[in-house]
Protein backbone atom coordinates (compact mmCIF):
# COMPACT_ATOMS: atom_id res chain seq x y z
CA MET A 1 -34.43 -31.31 25.55
CA MET A 2 -33.50 -31.08 21.89
CA ILE A 3 -29.92 -31.97 21.00
CA SER A 4 -28.20 -29.70 18.46
CA PRO A 5 -27.09 -31.53 15.33
CA ASP A 6 -23.39 -32.40 15.14
CA ILE A 7 -22.06 -30.74 12.00
CA SER A 8 -18.38 -30.86 12.89
CA SER A 9 -17.83 -33.67 10.38
CA LYS A 10 -19.76 -31.93 7.59
CA LEU A 11 -18.50 -29.31 5.20
CA ALA A 12 -20.45 -26.08 4.74
CA ILE A 13 -20.54 -26.50 0.97
CA ASP A 14 -23.14 -29.20 1.65
CA ALA A 15 -26.61 -27.64 1.49
CA LYS A 16 -27.80 -29.81 4.38
CA SER A 17 -24.97 -28.49 6.55
CA ILE A 18 -25.96 -24.92 5.77
CA ASP A 19 -29.56 -25.67 6.84
CA ASP A 20 -28.26 -27.17 10.08
CA LEU A 21 -26.23 -24.02 10.72
CA HIS A 22 -29.29 -21.83 10.17
CA LEU A 23 -31.31 -23.97 12.58
CA MET A 24 -28.58 -23.88 15.20
CA ALA A 25 -28.25 -20.09 14.86
CA LYS A 26 -31.90 -19.70 15.86
CA ARG A 27 -31.68 -22.04 18.85
CA ASN A 28 -28.18 -21.41 20.15
CA PRO A 29 -26.46 -18.39 18.54
CA GLU A 30 -23.26 -18.74 20.54
CA GLN A 31 -22.75 -22.38 19.57
CA ALA A 32 -23.68 -21.58 15.98
CA LEU A 33 -21.02 -18.86 15.92
CA HIS A 34 -18.32 -21.36 16.91
CA LYS A 35 -19.55 -23.89 14.35
CA ALA A 36 -19.74 -21.31 11.57
CA ALA A 37 -16.21 -20.12 12.37
CA GLN A 38 -15.03 -23.73 12.30
CA GLN A 39 -16.69 -24.24 8.91
CA PHE A 40 -15.01 -21.09 7.60
CA GLU A 41 -11.66 -22.42 8.76
CA ALA A 42 -12.40 -25.74 7.01
CA LEU A 43 -13.21 -23.93 3.76
CA PHE A 44 -10.02 -21.90 4.10
CA MET A 45 -7.97 -25.07 4.60
CA ASN A 46 -9.69 -26.65 1.61
CA MET A 47 -8.81 -23.64 -0.57
CA LEU A 48 -5.23 -23.81 0.69
CA LEU A 49 -4.93 -27.48 -0.19
CA LYS A 50 -6.54 -26.86 -3.58
CA SER A 51 -4.01 -24.14 -4.37
CA MET A 52 -1.18 -26.47 -3.39
CA ARG A 53 -2.56 -29.19 -5.65
CA GLU A 54 -2.92 -26.80 -8.59
CA ALA A 55 0.71 -25.77 -8.20
CA THR A 56 1.79 -29.41 -8.57
CA PRO A 57 2.51 -30.74 -12.09
CA LYS A 58 -0.19 -33.12 -13.30
CA ASP A 59 1.48 -34.91 -16.17
CA GLY A 60 2.30 -38.16 -14.37
CA MET A 61 1.22 -41.57 -15.61
CA PHE A 62 -1.23 -41.93 -12.71
CA ASP A 63 -2.90 -38.56 -13.21
CA SER A 64 -6.41 -38.58 -14.63
CA GLN A 65 -9.81 -37.02 -14.03
CA GLN A 66 -10.69 -39.89 -11.71
CA THR A 67 -7.60 -39.46 -9.52
CA GLN A 68 -8.15 -35.70 -9.40
CA PHE A 69 -11.75 -36.27 -8.29
CA PHE A 70 -10.75 -38.60 -5.47
CA THR A 71 -7.92 -36.27 -4.47
CA GLN A 72 -10.43 -33.43 -4.20
CA MET A 73 -12.68 -35.57 -1.98
CA TYR A 74 -9.71 -36.50 0.18
CA ASP A 75 -8.64 -32.86 0.54
CA GLN A 76 -12.17 -31.89 1.67
CA GLN A 77 -12.14 -34.55 4.35
CA LEU A 78 -8.61 -33.62 5.39
CA ALA A 79 -9.53 -29.95 5.67
CA GLN A 80 -12.58 -30.84 7.77
CA HIS A 81 -10.47 -33.06 10.04
CA LEU A 82 -7.81 -30.37 10.50
CA SER A 83 -10.46 -27.77 11.33
CA THR A 84 -11.80 -29.85 14.23
CA LYS A 85 -8.57 -29.13 16.09
CA GLY A 86 -8.08 -25.84 14.34
CA ILE A 87 -5.15 -23.66 13.36
CA GLY A 88 -6.41 -20.55 15.15
CA ILE A 89 -8.54 -18.89 12.47
CA ALA A 90 -11.85 -19.98 14.02
CA ASN A 91 -10.82 -18.64 17.42
CA ILE A 92 -9.93 -15.27 15.89
CA LEU A 93 -13.27 -15.07 14.12
CA VAL A 94 -15.19 -15.89 17.29
CA LYS A 95 -13.19 -13.33 19.25
CA GLN A 96 -13.80 -10.62 16.66
CA LEU A 97 -17.48 -11.33 16.22
CA SER A 98 -18.34 -11.68 19.89
CA ARG A 99 -18.63 -9.01 22.55
CA VAL A 100 -17.59 -9.47 26.16
CA ASP A 101 -21.17 -10.14 27.22
CA GLY A 102 -21.52 -12.91 24.64
CA SER A 103 -23.80 -11.15 22.14
CA ILE A 104 -22.82 -11.13 18.50
CA GLU A 105 -21.76 -7.87 16.89
CA PRO A 106 -19.72 -7.79 13.69
CA GLN A 107 -16.96 -5.20 13.91
CA THR A 108 -16.07 -5.00 10.26
CA SER A 109 -17.96 -4.82 6.96
CA ILE A 110 -17.22 -5.65 3.33
CA SER A 111 -17.14 -1.97 2.45
CA GLN A 112 -14.17 -1.51 4.81
CA ALA A 113 -12.11 -4.36 3.36
CA ASP A 114 -9.97 -2.18 1.07
CA ALA A 115 -9.25 0.28 3.87
CA ILE A 116 -8.29 -2.56 6.23
CA LEU A 117 -5.87 -4.04 3.69
CA SER A 118 -4.33 -0.61 3.07
CA SER A 119 -3.85 -0.11 6.80
CA ILE A 120 -2.24 -3.51 7.25
CA ASN A 121 0.07 -2.75 4.34
CA ALA A 122 0.97 0.61 5.88
CA VAL A 123 1.79 -1.07 9.20
CA ASN A 124 4.11 -3.53 7.47
CA GLN A 125 6.02 -0.84 5.57
CA PRO A 126 9.43 0.11 7.02
CA LEU A 127 9.40 3.27 9.12
CA LEU A 128 11.62 6.24 8.39
CA ILE A 129 14.80 6.64 10.42
CA LYS A 130 14.43 9.30 13.06
CA ASN A 131 17.36 11.44 14.12
CA GLY A 132 19.60 9.64 11.64
CA HIS A 133 21.63 12.78 11.06
CA PRO A 134 21.87 16.13 12.88
CA ASN A 135 20.95 17.95 9.64
CA ASP A 136 17.99 15.74 8.90
CA ARG A 137 14.92 17.95 9.27
CA SER A 138 12.43 15.44 7.92
CA GLU A 139 10.59 15.35 11.25
CA GLN A 140 9.95 19.06 10.94
CA LEU A 141 8.93 18.82 7.29
CA TRP A 142 6.69 15.76 7.54
CA PRO A 143 5.52 15.76 11.22
CA SER A 144 2.50 13.54 10.67
CA THR A 145 4.75 10.74 9.41
CA TYR A 146 6.62 10.64 12.68
CA ASN A 147 3.59 11.31 14.86
CA SER A 148 1.97 8.20 13.43
CA ARG A 149 4.78 5.96 14.71
CA GLN A 150 3.28 5.61 18.15
CA THR A 151 0.00 4.44 16.64
CA LEU A 152 1.74 2.03 14.27
CA THR A 153 3.91 0.64 17.05
CA SER A 154 0.89 -0.05 19.21
CA VAL A 155 -0.73 -1.89 16.31
CA GLU A 156 2.41 -3.97 15.75
CA LYS A 157 2.37 -4.98 19.42
CA MET A 158 -1.11 -6.48 19.14
CA ASN A 159 -1.54 -10.10 20.09
CA SER A 160 -0.65 -12.43 17.22
CA SER A 161 -4.22 -13.68 17.12
CA ASP A 162 -5.43 -10.13 16.40
CA GLU A 163 -2.89 -9.22 13.70
CA ALA A 164 -5.22 -10.24 10.89
CA PHE A 165 -7.82 -7.68 11.94
CA VAL A 166 -7.61 -3.91 12.38
CA ALA A 167 -10.39 -2.01 14.09
CA PRO A 168 -12.26 0.41 11.83
CA ALA A 169 -11.31 3.30 14.10
CA GLN A 170 -7.62 2.50 13.61
CA VAL A 171 -8.14 2.23 9.85
CA GLU A 172 -9.80 5.62 9.75
CA LEU A 173 -7.01 7.10 11.88
CA GLN A 174 -4.32 5.66 9.63
CA MET A 175 -6.02 7.01 6.50
CA LYS A 176 -6.34 10.41 8.11
CA LYS A 177 -2.65 10.45 9.03
CA SER A 178 -1.70 9.45 5.48
CA PHE A 179 -3.72 12.39 4.16
CA ASN A 180 -2.12 14.71 6.73
CA ARG A 181 1.34 13.57 5.62
CA SER A 182 0.47 14.54 2.04
CA MET A 183 -0.82 17.90 3.22
CA ASP A 184 2.39 18.50 5.21
CA PHE A 185 4.36 17.76 2.04
CA ILE A 186 2.27 20.22 0.03
CA ASN A 187 2.26 22.99 2.64
CA THR A 188 6.04 22.79 3.04
CA LEU A 189 6.88 22.89 -0.66
CA LEU A 190 4.09 25.11 -1.97
CA PRO A 191 6.04 28.41 -1.48
CA HIS A 192 8.97 27.04 -3.51
CA ALA A 193 6.61 25.73 -6.21
CA LYS A 194 4.97 29.15 -6.51
CA ILE A 195 8.35 30.85 -7.01
CA ALA A 196 9.35 28.30 -9.68
CA SER A 197 5.95 28.80 -11.31
CA GLN A 198 6.68 32.48 -11.85
CA SER A 199 9.70 31.70 -14.02
CA THR A 200 8.40 28.60 -15.82
CA GLY A 201 4.69 29.31 -16.09
CA ILE A 202 3.96 25.80 -14.84
CA PRO A 203 1.13 25.73 -12.26
CA PRO A 204 2.41 24.98 -8.74
CA HIS A 205 0.33 21.83 -8.29
CA PHE A 206 1.83 20.38 -11.49
CA MET A 207 5.28 20.53 -9.89
CA LEU A 208 4.01 19.30 -6.53
CA ALA A 209 2.49 16.24 -8.21
CA GLN A 210 5.79 15.43 -9.91
CA ALA A 211 7.75 15.95 -6.69
CA ALA A 212 5.28 13.67 -4.89
CA LEU A 213 5.74 10.93 -7.47
CA GLU A 214 9.53 11.18 -7.60
CA SER A 215 9.94 11.21 -3.79
CA GLY A 216 6.94 9.18 -2.64
CA TRP A 217 5.44 12.23 -0.89
CA GLY A 218 8.82 12.81 0.74
CA LYS A 219 9.15 9.32 2.19
CA HIS A 220 11.73 8.18 -0.38
CA GLU A 221 13.64 11.40 -0.79
CA ILE A 222 17.17 10.93 -2.12
CA ARG A 223 19.62 11.10 0.79
CA ARG A 224 23.33 11.50 1.15
CA ALA A 225 25.62 8.79 2.51
CA ASP A 226 25.30 10.25 6.03
CA ASN A 227 21.47 10.20 5.71
CA SER A 228 21.17 13.97 5.40
CA PRO A 229 18.66 15.14 2.77
CA SER A 230 19.81 15.99 -0.74
CA TYR A 231 16.75 18.23 -1.31
CA ASN A 232 16.42 16.61 -4.74
CA LEU A 233 12.68 15.91 -4.99
CA PHE A 234 12.56 15.62 -8.79
CA GLY A 235 15.09 12.82 -9.33
CA ILE A 236 17.37 15.08 -11.39
CA LYS A 237 20.53 13.21 -12.35
CA ALA A 238 24.03 14.65 -12.32
CA SER A 239 25.49 14.68 -15.80
CA ALA A 240 29.14 15.36 -16.63
CA SER A 241 28.41 19.09 -16.88
CA TRP A 242 27.07 19.28 -13.31
CA LYS A 243 29.60 20.96 -10.99
CA GLY A 244 27.69 20.75 -7.73
CA ASP A 245 27.36 18.04 -5.08
CA THR A 246 26.19 14.58 -6.08
CA VAL A 247 24.61 11.57 -4.42
CA GLU A 248 24.87 7.99 -5.62
CA LYS A 249 21.70 5.95 -5.34
CA VAL A 250 20.24 2.70 -6.62
CA THR A 251 17.43 3.50 -9.03
CA THR A 252 15.18 1.64 -11.46
CA GLU A 253 15.62 2.36 -15.15
CA TYR A 254 13.62 0.82 -18.00
CA ILE A 255 15.93 -0.48 -20.70
CA ASN A 256 14.08 -1.78 -23.77
CA GLY A 257 10.95 -1.89 -21.64
CA THR A 258 12.54 -4.02 -18.92
CA PRO A 259 13.08 -2.55 -15.42
CA GLN A 260 16.66 -2.83 -14.19
CA LYS A 261 18.37 -1.70 -10.99
CA ILE A 262 21.40 0.52 -11.53
CA VAL A 263 23.53 2.87 -9.45
CA ASP A 264 23.41 6.44 -10.74
CA LYS A 265 24.49 9.92 -9.64
CA PHE A 266 21.92 12.53 -8.67
CA ARG A 267 22.27 16.23 -7.98
CA ALA A 268 22.34 17.41 -4.36
CA TYR A 269 21.33 20.84 -3.09
CA SER A 270 21.56 22.85 0.10
CA SER A 271 17.82 23.57 0.34
CA TYR A 272 14.46 22.83 -1.26
CA ALA A 273 14.48 26.35 -2.71
CA GLU A 274 17.69 25.56 -4.59
CA GLY A 275 16.22 22.24 -5.73
CA PHE A 276 13.11 23.90 -7.18
CA ASN A 277 15.20 26.60 -8.85
CA ASP A 278 17.40 24.00 -10.53
CA TYR A 279 14.30 22.11 -11.68
CA ALA A 280 13.00 25.33 -13.24
CA ARG A 281 16.34 25.96 -15.01
CA LEU A 282 16.37 22.38 -16.32
CA LEU A 283 13.02 22.85 -18.03
CA LEU A 284 13.78 26.36 -19.28
CA ASP A 285 17.25 25.66 -20.67
CA ASN A 286 16.49 22.37 -22.40
CA PRO A 287 14.68 22.76 -25.77
CA ARG A 288 13.08 19.34 -25.53
CA TYR A 289 10.87 20.61 -22.68
CA ALA A 290 9.57 23.60 -24.67
CA LYS A 291 6.15 22.06 -25.24
CA VAL A 292 5.97 20.99 -21.60
CA LEU A 293 6.27 24.62 -20.51
CA GLU A 294 3.32 25.51 -22.74
CA SER A 295 1.03 22.92 -21.14
CA SER A 296 -1.99 24.28 -19.31
CA ASP A 297 -3.63 20.88 -18.97
CA PHE A 298 -2.08 18.40 -16.57
CA SER A 299 -2.53 15.42 -18.88
CA ALA A 300 -0.59 17.29 -21.59
CA PHE A 301 2.05 18.22 -19.02
CA ALA A 302 2.49 14.60 -17.87
CA THR A 303 2.50 13.22 -21.40
CA GLY A 304 4.93 15.91 -22.52
CA LEU A 305 7.40 15.02 -19.78
CA GLN A 306 7.32 11.36 -20.74
CA ARG A 307 7.72 12.07 -24.46
CA ALA A 308 10.61 14.45 -23.74
CA GLY A 309 12.40 11.62 -21.96
CA TYR A 310 12.25 12.95 -18.40
CA ALA A 311 11.90 9.35 -17.16
CA THR A 312 12.28 5.90 -18.72
CA ASP A 313 9.23 4.44 -16.97
CA PRO A 314 6.66 3.74 -19.74
CA LYS A 315 3.85 4.48 -17.26
CA TYR A 316 5.36 7.71 -15.94
CA ALA A 317 2.57 9.94 -17.33
CA GLU A 318 -0.11 7.58 -16.04
CA LYS A 319 1.39 7.62 -12.54
CA LEU A 320 1.69 11.41 -12.60
CA ILE A 321 -1.97 11.79 -13.51
CA ARG A 322 -2.98 9.41 -10.72
CA ILE A 323 -0.98 11.46 -8.20
CA ASN A 324 -2.52 14.70 -9.46
CA ASN A 325 -6.00 13.21 -9.01
CA SER A 326 -5.32 12.37 -5.37
CA GLU A 327 -7.49 13.92 -2.69
CA ALA A 328 -4.66 16.09 -1.36
CA LEU A 329 -3.91 17.74 -4.71
CA GLN A 330 -7.54 18.00 -5.75
CA ASN A 331 -8.06 20.31 -2.79
CA ARG A 332 -6.99 23.33 -4.87
CA GLU A 333 -8.22 26.00 -2.45
CA PHE A 334 -4.79 26.32 -0.88
CA ILE A 335 -3.11 26.52 -4.31
């Protein structure tokens, strides 16, 4: 009976250790899986220690290339020693890469990494408040946002050992719901955008892109103190000449190129139709937006808004163009 080599005290960066892992994988795949996961955890711990060392000042009288070399060797051995007992990463890897019957089947791929990170980020984002006010009709306007709560809640309730991994099916579902939320936003506001387009000449999807940027596809819509919607999707501020309702809100303004948080007053309306109409009047009545109204190309429209001083963000036009190039707005058949 051949005894498998003990590589628990060796680090996978050693070529001999890698050969031993390959040999073990052929003879005993299950054992090799545990060893490989343990080696991955050791490498992770080594990277963690290295990052901690790099964050430490190295201008002491005892710091030199020799001490750094021995410190690196010590950290490698320490990481290997810690991984023998483990901090849980190896167990998660084994659980994710193993099926119930013991055969190995990877459940994720490198090509899905970006989608997995996006899904994890979406799960960690704060959820919208439901039924915060009797006049709050956000659930009717953006139904997919609220329908996705049940899915997100179930993901949040996963075992702590599984939180670092999201199944591809859940990733695909989350991406689909995000797209549906954008489509709900567009379908709800498209009639108002078309009406405003008749008076301004601005294509409807130009206005929808700006409303999406200013309100975060409706998720960050300006709200009144009682949480009812202000129907201000374009971030239009209330100057001294404004006689209607106002809402105070913390906003980010760029002063001399530096972002600063300030409290400012914004206009409030009774409906999205009124909000779009006021947006149209703002562009029509203000001479500085004359060239914006003549824009037939979206890049010229976005650049014109920034040059006219619609926003202080130096990357406002760039962000607008990125929103306009999104999958939801590129589907122009409905527009």
